[in-house]
Amino acid sequence: MLQLESNLQHKIKEFNLKPGSLVLVKNLAIELSADWKMKPRYLEPMVIIHCPKGGAFILAELDGFVWQNKVAVFRVILYLARKEISYEKEVK
């Protein structure tokens, strides 16, 4: 994961994210803690439920639990999965 982050560090991050895409969310809660090296930098893969034009994403975990808070664009990176997962939109 560190190698992927360092490879993409100086590139323009113009991901084509749409509902159904798998993403990783950067864990900002660990940055101020003393033992940040021992904790995961990214949370588990999540599915994008809704992505408005100018704002934050609405995400769900793979088991279907939808997050209460919206996630800013700078916290999200594309998850490179080996095969595509089918996704049915059920959010109104």
PDB file of N, CA and C in Angstrom:
ATOM      1  N   MET A   1       0.820  -1.183   0.000  1.00  0.00           N
ATOM      2  CA  MET A   1       0.000   0.000   0.000  1.00  0.00           C
ATOM      3  C   MET A   1       0.871   1.257   0.000  1.00  0.00           C
ATOM      4  N   LEU A   2       1.983   1.229   0.714  1.00  0.00           N
ATOM      5  CA  LEU A   2       2.869   2.389   0.748  1.00  0.00           C
ATOM      6  C   LEU A   2       3.489   2.651  -0.619  1.00  0.00           C
ATOM      7  N   GLN A   3       3.800   1.575  -1.344  1.00  0.00           N
ATOM      8  CA  GLN A   3       4.382   1.742  -2.668  1.00  0.00           C
ATOM      9  C   GLN A   3       3.358   2.360  -3.625  1.00  0.00           C
ATOM     10  N   LEU A   4       2.110   1.931  -3.551  1.00  0.00           N
ATOM     11  CA  LEU A   4       1.062   2.498  -4.398  1.00  0.00           C
ATOM     12  C   LEU A   4       0.866   3.982  -4.082  1.00  0.00           C
ATOM     13  N   GLU A   5       0.860   4.328  -2.795  1.00  0.00           N
ATOM     14  CA  GLU A   5       0.700   5.723  -2.400  1.00  0.00           C
ATOM     15  C   GLU A   5       1.862   6.583  -2.889  1.00  0.00           C
ATOM     16  N   SER A   6       3.072   6.076  -2.798  1.00  0.00           N
ATOM     17  CA  SER A   6       4.231   6.854  -3.250  1.00  0.00           C
ATOM     18  C   SER A   6       4.270   6.973  -4.770  1.00  0.00           C
ATOM     19  N   ASN A   7       3.806   5.964  -5.498  1.00  0.00           N
ATOM     20  CA  ASN A   7       3.776   6.039  -6.956  1.00  0.00           C
ATOM     21  C   ASN A   7       2.774   7.077  -7.453  1.00  0.00           C
ATOM     22  N   LEU A   8       1.658   7.226  -6.751  1.00  0.00           N
ATOM     23  CA  LEU A   8       0.609   8.144  -7.178  1.00  0.00           C
ATOM     24  C   LEU A   8       0.723   9.521  -6.533  1.00  0.00           C
ATOM     25  N   GLN A   9       1.761   9.761  -5.763  1.00  0.00           N
ATOM     26  CA  GLN A   9       1.881  10.990  -4.989  1.00  0.00           C
ATOM     27  C   GLN A   9       1.946  12.244  -5.864  1.00  0.00           C
ATOM     28  N   HIS A  10       2.700  12.214  -6.949  1.00  0.00           N
ATOM     29  CA  HIS A  10       2.911  13.409  -7.760  1.00  0.00           C
ATOM     30  C   HIS A  10       2.089  13.408  -9.049  1.00  0.00           C
ATOM     31  N   LYS A  11       1.116  12.571  -9.140  1.00  0.00           N
ATOM     32  CA  LYS A  11       0.279  12.515 -10.332  1.00  0.00           C
ATOM     33  C   LYS A  11      -1.057  13.206 -10.049  1.00  0.00           C
ATOM     34  N   ILE A  12      -1.674  13.685 -11.076  1.00  0.00           N
ATOM     35  CA  ILE A  12      -2.999  14.292 -10.922  1.00  0.00           C
ATOM     36  C   ILE A  12      -3.984  13.175 -10.643  1.00  0.00           C
ATOM     37  N   LYS A  13      -4.718  13.304  -9.564  1.00  0.00           N
ATOM     38  CA  LYS A  13      -5.631  12.237  -9.154  1.00  0.00           C
ATOM     39  C   LYS A  13      -7.015  12.496  -9.744  1.00  0.00           C
ATOM     40  N   GLU A  14      -7.195  12.091 -10.956  1.00  0.00           N
ATOM     41  CA  GLU A  14      -8.429  12.291 -11.690  1.00  0.00           C
ATOM     42  C   GLU A  14      -9.081  10.924 -11.899  1.00  0.00           C
ATOM     43  N   PHE A  15      -9.569  10.328 -10.808  1.00  0.00           N
ATOM     44  CA  PHE A  15     -10.182   9.016 -10.894  1.00  0.00           C
ATOM     45  C   PHE A  15     -11.599   9.148 -11.425  1.00  0.00           C
ATOM     46  N   ASN A  16     -12.023   8.200 -12.220  1.00  0.00           N
ATOM     47  CA  ASN A  16     -13.390   8.183 -12.737  1.00  0.00           C
ATOM     48  C   ASN A  16     -14.254   7.410 -11.745  1.00  0.00           C
ATOM     49  N   LEU A  17     -14.611   8.059 -10.651  1.00  0.00           N
ATOM     50  CA  LEU A  17     -15.370   7.397  -9.605  1.00  0.00           C
ATOM     51  C   LEU A  17     -16.859   7.568  -9.864  1.00  0.00           C
ATOM     52  N   LYS A  18     -17.585   6.472  -9.816  1.00  0.00           N
ATOM     53  CA  LYS A  18     -19.021   6.476 -10.038  1.00  0.00           C
ATOM     54  C   LYS A  18     -19.656   5.530  -9.029  1.00  0.00           C
ATOM     55  N   PRO A  19     -20.962   5.571  -8.852  1.00  0.00           N
ATOM     56  CA  PRO A  19     -21.601   4.644  -7.912  1.00  0.00           C
ATOM     57  C   PRO A  19     -21.278   3.193  -8.277  1.00  0.00           C
ATOM     58  N   GLY A  20     -20.887   2.443  -7.264  1.00  0.00           N
ATOM     59  CA  GLY A  20     -20.497   1.056  -7.464  1.00  0.00           C
ATOM     60  C   GLY A  20     -19.000   0.838  -7.463  1.00  0.00           C
ATOM     61  N   SER A  21     -18.202   1.914  -7.520  1.00  0.00           N
ATOM     62  CA  SER A  21     -16.746   1.794  -7.511  1.00  0.00           C
ATOM     63  C   SER A  21     -16.259   1.448  -6.111  1.00  0.00           C
ATOM     64  N   LEU A  22     -15.224   0.631  -6.046  1.00  0.00           N
ATOM     65  CA  LEU A  22     -14.599   0.303  -4.768  1.00  0.00           C
ATOM     66  C   LEU A  22     -13.501   1.312  -4.474  1.00  0.00           C
ATOM     67  N   VAL A  23     -13.483   1.824  -3.247  1.00  0.00           N
ATOM     68  CA  VAL A  23     -12.503   2.819  -2.845  1.00  0.00           C
ATOM     69  C   VAL A  23     -11.958   2.505  -1.459  1.00  0.00           C
ATOM     70  N   LEU A  24     -10.797   3.081  -1.156  1.00  0.00           N
ATOM     71  CA  LEU A  24     -10.232   3.061   0.184  1.00  0.00           C
ATOM     72  C   LEU A  24     -10.369   4.459   0.765  1.00  0.00           C
ATOM     73  N   VAL A  25     -10.629   4.542   2.082  1.00  0.00           N
ATOM     74  CA  VAL A  25     -10.795   5.825   2.751  1.00  0.00           C
ATOM     75  C   VAL A  25      -9.623   6.027   3.694  1.00  0.00           C
ATOM     76  N   LYS A  26      -8.954   7.175   3.570  1.00  0.00           N
ATOM     77  CA  LYS A  26      -7.812   7.478   4.432  1.00  0.00           C
ATOM     78  C   LYS A  26      -8.295   7.682   5.861  1.00  0.00           C
ATOM     79  N   ASN A  27      -7.601   7.060   6.798  1.00  0.00           N
ATOM     80  CA  ASN A  27      -7.953   7.129   8.210  1.00  0.00           C
ATOM     81  C   ASN A  27      -7.277   8.351   8.834  1.00  0.00           C
ATOM     82  N   LEU A  28      -7.995   9.465   8.930  1.00  0.00           N
ATOM     83  CA  LEU A  28      -7.431  10.702   9.458  1.00  0.00           C
ATOM     84  C   LEU A  28      -7.373  10.712  10.980  1.00  0.00           C
ATOM     85  N   ALA A  29      -8.078   9.816  11.642  1.00  0.00           N
ATOM     86  CA  ALA A  29      -8.111   9.801  13.103  1.00  0.00           C
ATOM     87  C   ALA A  29      -6.775   9.388  13.703  1.00  0.00           C
ATOM     88  N   ILE A  30      -5.933   8.686  12.954  1.00  0.00           N
ATOM     89  CA  ILE A  30      -4.671   8.197  13.510  1.00  0.00           C
ATOM     90  C   ILE A  30      -3.526   9.188  13.395  1.00  0.00           C
ATOM     91  N   GLU A  31      -3.691  10.255  12.608  1.00  0.00           N
ATOM     92  CA  GLU A  31      -2.570  11.155  12.339  1.00  0.00           C
ATOM     93  C   GLU A  31      -2.079  11.895  13.574  1.00  0.00           C
ATOM     94  N   LEU A  32      -2.927  12.147  14.548  1.00  0.00           N
ATOM     95  CA  LEU A  32      -2.528  12.885  15.738  1.00  0.00           C
ATOM     96  C   LEU A  32      -2.128  11.975  16.901  1.00  0.00           C
ATOM     97  N   SER A  33      -2.296  10.678  16.741  1.00  0.00           N
ATOM     98  CA  SER A  33      -1.965   9.771  17.830  1.00  0.00           C
ATOM     99  C   SER A  33      -0.455   9.488  17.858  1.00  0.00           C
ATOM    100  N   ALA A  34       0.022   9.057  19.003  1.00  0.00           N
ATOM    101  CA  ALA A  34       1.455   8.811  19.177  1.00  0.00           C
ATOM    102  C   ALA A  34       1.909   7.525  18.481  1.00  0.00           C
ATOM    103  N   ASP A  35       1.048   6.539  18.379  1.00  0.00           N
ATOM    104  CA  ASP A  35       1.425   5.262  17.768  1.00  0.00           C
ATOM    105  C   ASP A  35       0.836   5.113  16.360  1.00  0.00           C
ATOM    106  N   TRP A  36       0.885   6.173  15.557  1.00  0.00           N
ATOM    107  CA  TRP A  36       0.267   6.159  14.239  1.00  0.00           C
ATOM    108  C   TRP A  36       0.921   5.180  13.284  1.00  0.00           C
ATOM    109  N   LYS A  37       2.166   4.797  13.528  1.00  0.00           N
ATOM    110  CA  LYS A  37       2.842   3.853  12.635  1.00  0.00           C
ATOM    111  C   LYS A  37       2.274   2.445  12.751  1.00  0.00           C
ATOM    112  N   MET A  38       1.651   2.147  13.866  1.00  0.00           N
ATOM    113  CA  MET A  38       1.130   0.804  14.101  1.00  0.00           C
ATOM    114  C   MET A  38      -0.309   0.627  13.621  1.00  0.00           C
ATOM    115  N   LYS A  39      -0.953   1.692  13.225  1.00  0.00           N
ATOM    116  CA  LYS A  39      -2.368   1.625  12.853  1.00  0.00           C
ATOM    117  C   LYS A  39      -2.532   1.702  11.343  1.00  0.00           C
ATOM    118  N   PRO A  40      -3.633   1.156  10.832  1.00  0.00           N
ATOM    119  CA  PRO A  40      -3.831   1.161   9.371  1.00  0.00           C
ATOM    120  C   PRO A  40      -4.076   2.569   8.839  1.00  0.00           C
ATOM    121  N   ARG A  41      -3.454   2.888   7.703  1.00  0.00           N
ATOM    122  CA  ARG A  41      -3.626   4.210   7.093  1.00  0.00           C
ATOM    123  C   ARG A  41      -4.959   4.339   6.380  1.00  0.00           C
ATOM    124  N   TYR A  42      -5.450   3.253   5.852  1.00  0.00           N
ATOM    125  CA  TYR A  42      -6.702   3.272   5.104  1.00  0.00           C
ATOM    126  C   TYR A  42      -7.683   2.287   5.723  1.00  0.00           C
ATOM    127  N   LEU A  43      -8.965   2.632   5.657  1.00  0.00           N
ATOM    128  CA  LEU A  43     -10.017   1.747   6.127  1.00  0.00           C
ATOM    129  C   LEU A  43     -10.331   0.737   5.028  1.00  0.00           C
ATOM    130  N   GLU A  44     -11.071  -0.307   5.372  1.00  0.00           N
ATOM    131  CA  GLU A  44     -11.335  -1.387   4.428  1.00  0.00           C
ATOM    132  C   GLU A  44     -12.023  -0.876   3.167  1.00  0.00           C
ATOM    133  N   PRO A  45     -12.029  -1.667   2.096  1.00  0.00           N
ATOM    134  CA  PRO A  45     -12.682  -1.223   0.853  1.00  0.00           C
ATOM    135  C   PRO A  45     -14.153  -0.906   1.084  1.00  0.00           C
ATOM    136  N   MET A  46     -14.598   0.160   0.441  1.00  0.00           N
ATOM    137  CA  MET A  46     -15.982   0.607   0.547  1.00  0.00           C
ATOM    138  C   MET A  46     -16.549   0.802  -0.849  1.00  0.00           C
ATOM    139  N   VAL A  47     -17.869   0.867  -0.928  1.00  0.00           N
ATOM    140  CA  VAL A  47     -18.571   1.051  -2.190  1.00  0.00           C
ATOM    141  C   VAL A  47     -19.154   2.454  -2.218  1.00  0.00           C
ATOM    142  N   ILE A  48     -19.001   3.154  -3.329  1.00  0.00           N
ATOM    143  CA  ILE A  48     -19.599   4.481  -3.474  1.00  0.00           C
ATOM    144  C   ILE A  48     -21.080   4.309  -3.761  1.00  0.00           C
ATOM    145  N   ILE A  49     -21.911   4.959  -2.952  1.00  0.00           N
ATOM    146  CA  ILE A  49     -23.361   4.919  -3.146  1.00  0.00           C
ATOM    147  C   ILE A  49     -23.812   6.097  -4.004  1.00  0.00           C
ATOM    148  N   HIS A  50     -23.324   7.290  -3.655  1.00  0.00           N
ATOM    149  CA  HIS A  50     -23.729   8.505  -4.364  1.00  0.00           C
ATOM    150  C   HIS A  50     -22.537   9.454  -4.423  1.00  0.00           C
ATOM    151  N   CYS A  51     -22.315  10.048  -5.586  1.00  0.00           N
ATOM    152  CA  CYS A  51     -21.227  11.015  -5.708  1.00  0.00           C
ATOM    153  C   CYS A  51     -21.749  12.271  -6.398  1.00  0.00           C
ATOM    154  N   PRO A  52     -22.076  13.296  -5.608  1.00  0.00           N
ATOM    155  CA  PRO A  52     -22.545  14.549  -6.192  1.00  0.00           C
ATOM    156  C   PRO A  52     -21.423  15.277  -6.926  1.00  0.00           C
ATOM    157  N   LYS A  53     -21.770  16.252  -7.739  1.00  0.00           N
ATOM    158  CA  LYS A  53     -20.771  16.928  -8.574  1.00  0.00           C
ATOM    159  C   LYS A  53     -19.700  17.646  -7.775  1.00  0.00           C
ATOM    160  N   GLY A  54     -20.057  18.451  -6.795  1.00  0.00           N
ATOM    161  CA  GLY A  54     -19.057  19.267  -6.160  1.00  0.00           C
ATOM    162  C   GLY A  54     -18.680  18.858  -4.761  1.00  0.00           C
ATOM    163  N   GLY A  55     -19.184  17.727  -4.277  1.00  0.00           N
ATOM    164  CA  GLY A  55     -18.995  17.512  -2.856  1.00  0.00           C
ATOM    165  C   GLY A  55     -18.478  16.172  -2.447  1.00  0.00           C
ATOM    166  N   ALA A  56     -18.936  15.745  -1.319  1.00  0.00           N
ATOM    167  CA  ALA A  56     -18.434  14.550  -0.664  1.00  0.00           C
ATOM    168  C   ALA A  56     -19.211  13.314  -1.107  1.00  0.00           C
ATOM    169  N   PHE A  57     -18.571  12.165  -0.917  1.00  0.00           N
ATOM    170  CA  PHE A  57     -19.178  10.893  -1.297  1.00  0.00           C
ATOM    171  C   PHE A  57     -20.011  10.325  -0.157  1.00  0.00           C
ATOM    172  N   ILE A  58     -21.034   9.586  -0.523  1.00  0.00           N
ATOM    173  CA  ILE A  58     -21.774   8.773   0.435  1.00  0.00           C
ATOM    174  C   ILE A  58     -21.320   7.342   0.187  1.00  0.00           C
ATOM    175  N   LEU A  59     -20.796   6.686   1.235  1.00  0.00           N
ATOM    176  CA  LEU A  59     -20.185   5.371   1.091  1.00  0.00           C
ATOM    177  C   LEU A  59     -20.926   4.327   1.907  1.00  0.00           C
ATOM    178  N   ALA A  60     -20.730   3.077   1.506  1.00  0.00           N
ATOM    179  CA  ALA A  60     -21.267   1.946   2.254  1.00  0.00           C
ATOM    180  C   ALA A  60     -20.181   0.890   2.363  1.00  0.00           C
ATOM    181  N   GLU A  61     -20.229   0.143   3.462  1.00  0.00           N
ATOM    182  CA  GLU A  61     -19.307  -0.977   3.615  1.00  0.00           C
ATOM    183  C   GLU A  61     -19.772  -2.112   2.718  1.00  0.00           C
ATOM    184  N   LEU A  62     -18.947  -3.122   2.557  1.00  0.00           N
ATOM    185  CA  LEU A  62     -19.283  -4.220   1.652  1.00  0.00           C
ATOM    186  C   LEU A  62     -20.451  -5.061   2.144  1.00  0.00           C
ATOM    187  N   ASP A  63     -20.761  -5.004   3.445  1.00  0.00           N
ATOM    188  CA  ASP A  63     -21.904  -5.742   3.965  1.00  0.00           C
ATOM    189  C   ASP A  63     -23.215  -4.972   3.840  1.00  0.00           C
ATOM    190  N   GLY A  64     -23.168  -3.724   3.306  1.00  0.00           N
ATOM    191  CA  GLY A  64     -24.374  -2.954   3.064  1.00  0.00           C
ATOM    192  C   GLY A  64     -24.635  -1.831   4.050  1.00  0.00           C
ATOM    193  N   PHE A  65     -23.827  -1.717   5.099  1.00  0.00           N
ATOM    194  CA  PHE A  65     -24.005  -0.667   6.096  1.00  0.00           C
ATOM    195  C   PHE A  65     -23.578   0.672   5.500  1.00  0.00           C
ATOM    196  N   VAL A  66     -24.500   1.640   5.455  1.00  0.00           N
ATOM    197  CA  VAL A  66     -24.214   2.956   4.881  1.00  0.00           C
ATOM    198  C   VAL A  66     -23.661   3.860   5.975  1.00  0.00           C
ATOM    199  N   TRP A  67     -22.580   4.563   5.670  1.00  0.00           N
ATOM    200  CA  TRP A  67     -21.963   5.482   6.634  1.00  0.00           C
ATOM    201  C   TRP A  67     -22.869   6.678   6.862  1.00  0.00           C
ATOM    202  N   GLN A  68     -22.915   7.166   8.085  1.00  0.00           N
ATOM    203  CA  GLN A  68     -23.720   8.333   8.432  1.00  0.00           C
ATOM    204  C   GLN A  68     -23.127   9.616   7.861  1.00  0.00           C
ATOM    205  N   ASN A  69     -21.820   9.763   7.919  1.00  0.00           N
ATOM    206  CA  ASN A  69     -21.156  10.989   7.483  1.00  0.00           C
ATOM    207  C   ASN A  69     -20.704  10.881   6.033  1.00  0.00           C
ATOM    208  N   LYS A  70     -20.664  12.030   5.374  1.00  0.00           N
ATOM    209  CA  LYS A  70     -20.125  12.079   4.016  1.00  0.00           C
ATOM    210  C   LYS A  70     -18.601  12.107   4.098  1.00  0.00           C
ATOM    211  N   VAL A  71     -17.948  11.656   3.031  1.00  0.00           N
ATOM    212  CA  VAL A  71     -16.485  11.572   3.000  1.00  0.00           C
ATOM    213  C   VAL A  71     -15.966  12.514   1.924  1.00  0.00           C
ATOM    214  N   ALA A  72     -15.006  13.353   2.291  1.00  0.00           N
ATOM    215  CA  ALA A  72     -14.422  14.313   1.356  1.00  0.00           C
ATOM    216  C   ALA A  72     -13.645  13.605   0.257  1.00  0.00           C
ATOM    217  N   VAL A  73     -13.535  14.260  -0.876  1.00  0.00           N
ATOM    218  CA  VAL A  73     -12.887  13.670  -2.050  1.00  0.00           C
ATOM    219  C   VAL A  73     -11.410  13.393  -1.802  1.00  0.00           C
ATOM    220  N   PHE A  74     -10.719  14.257  -1.050  1.00  0.00           N
ATOM    221  CA  PHE A  74      -9.283  14.071  -0.846  1.00  0.00           C
ATOM    222  C   PHE A  74      -8.957  12.860   0.020  1.00  0.00           C
ATOM    223  N   ARG A  75      -9.944  12.304   0.741  1.00  0.00           N
ATOM    224  CA  ARG A  75      -9.709  11.126   1.574  1.00  0.00           C
ATOM    225  C   ARG A  75      -9.881   9.812   0.821  1.00  0.00           C
ATOM    226  N   VAL A  76     -10.347   9.858  -0.413  1.00  0.00           N
ATOM    227  CA  VAL A  76     -10.729   8.658  -1.157  1.00  0.00           C
ATOM    228  C   VAL A  76      -9.715   8.365  -2.248  1.00  0.00           C
ATOM    229  N   ILE A  77      -9.266   7.098  -2.326  1.00  0.00           N
ATOM    230  CA  ILE A  77      -8.461   6.653  -3.466  1.00  0.00           C
ATOM    231  C   ILE A  77      -9.102   5.392  -4.047  1.00  0.00           C
ATOM    232  N   LEU A  78      -8.898   5.187  -5.299  1.00  0.00           N
ATOM    233  CA  LEU A  78      -9.480   4.057  -6.004  1.00  0.00           C
ATOM    234  C   LEU A  78      -8.857   2.754  -5.514  1.00  0.00           C
ATOM    235  N   TYR A  79      -9.692   1.756  -5.282  1.00  0.00           N
ATOM    236  CA  TYR A  79      -9.219   0.432  -4.872  1.00  0.00           C
ATOM    237  C   TYR A  79      -9.092  -0.420  -6.128  1.00  0.00           C
ATOM    238  N   LEU A  80      -7.926  -0.968  -6.348  1.00  0.00           N
ATOM    239  CA  LEU A  80      -7.676  -1.768  -7.539  1.00  0.00           C
ATOM    240  C   LEU A  80      -8.044  -3.225  -7.260  1.00  0.00           C
ATOM    241  N   ALA A  81      -9.262  -3.594  -7.615  1.00  0.00           N
ATOM    242  CA  ALA A  81      -9.752  -4.945  -7.373  1.00  0.00           C
ATOM    243  C   ALA A  81      -9.396  -5.858  -8.545  1.00  0.00           C
ATOM    244  N   ARG A  82      -9.284  -7.134  -8.259  1.00  0.00           N
ATOM    245  CA  ARG A  82      -8.947  -8.086  -9.325  1.00  0.00           C
ATOM    246  C   ARG A  82     -10.125  -8.361 -10.237  1.00  0.00           C
ATOM    247  N   LYS A  83     -11.336  -8.363  -9.671  1.00  0.00           N
ATOM    248  CA  LYS A  83     -12.521  -8.528 -10.501  1.00  0.00           C
ATOM    249  C   LYS A  83     -13.629  -7.620  -9.984  1.00  0.00           C
ATOM    250  N   GLU A  84     -14.575  -7.323 -10.865  1.00  0.00           N
ATOM    251  CA  GLU A  84     -15.628  -6.370 -10.555  1.00  0.00           C
ATOM    252  C   GLU A  84     -16.714  -7.017  -9.705  1.00  0.00           C
ATOM    253  N   ILE A  85     -17.236  -6.253  -8.752  1.00  0.00           N
ATOM    254  CA  ILE A  85     -18.312  -6.725  -7.892  1.00  0.00           C
ATOM    255  C   ILE A  85     -19.605  -6.092  -8.368  1.00  0.00           C
ATOM    256  N   SER A  86     -20.653  -6.903  -8.517  1.00  0.00           N
ATOM    257  CA  SER A  86     -21.934  -6.339  -8.949  1.00  0.00           C
ATOM    258  C   SER A  86     -22.562  -5.568  -7.792  1.00  0.00           C
ATOM    259  N   TYR A  87     -23.269  -4.498  -8.139  1.00  0.00           N
ATOM    260  CA  TYR A  87     -23.814  -3.594  -7.135  1.00  0.00           C
ATOM    261  C   TYR A  87     -25.191  -3.152  -7.593  1.00  0.00           C
ATOM    262  N   GLU A  88     -26.167  -3.273  -6.705  1.00  0.00           N
ATOM    263  CA  GLU A  88     -27.528  -2.829  -7.015  1.00  0.00           C
ATOM    264  C   GLU A  88     -27.840  -1.612  -6.170  1.00  0.00           C
ATOM    265  N   LYS A  89     -28.268  -0.541  -6.808  1.00  0.00           N
ATOM    266  CA  LYS A  89     -28.542   0.709  -6.100  1.00  0.00           C
ATOM    267  C   LYS A  89     -29.896   0.599  -5.402  1.00  0.00           C
ATOM    268  N   GLU A  90     -29.891   0.756  -4.063  1.00  0.00           N
ATOM    269  CA  GLU A  90     -31.126   0.672  -3.288  1.00  0.00           C
ATOM    270  C   GLU A  90     -31.402   1.931  -2.487  1.00  0.00           C
ATOM    271  N   VAL A  91     -30.494   2.907  -2.521  1.00  0.00           N
ATOM    272  CA  VAL A  91     -30.654   4.135  -1.744  1.00  0.00           C
ATOM    273  C   VAL A  91     -31.568   5.086  -2.500  1.00  0.00           C
ATOM    274  N   LYS A  92     -32.483   5.736  -1.791  1.00  0.00           N
ATOM    275  CA  LYS A  92     -33.420   6.668  -2.436  1.00  0.00           C
ATOM    276  C   LYS A  92     -32.969   8.076  -2.275  1.00  0.00           C
TER     277      LYS A  92
END
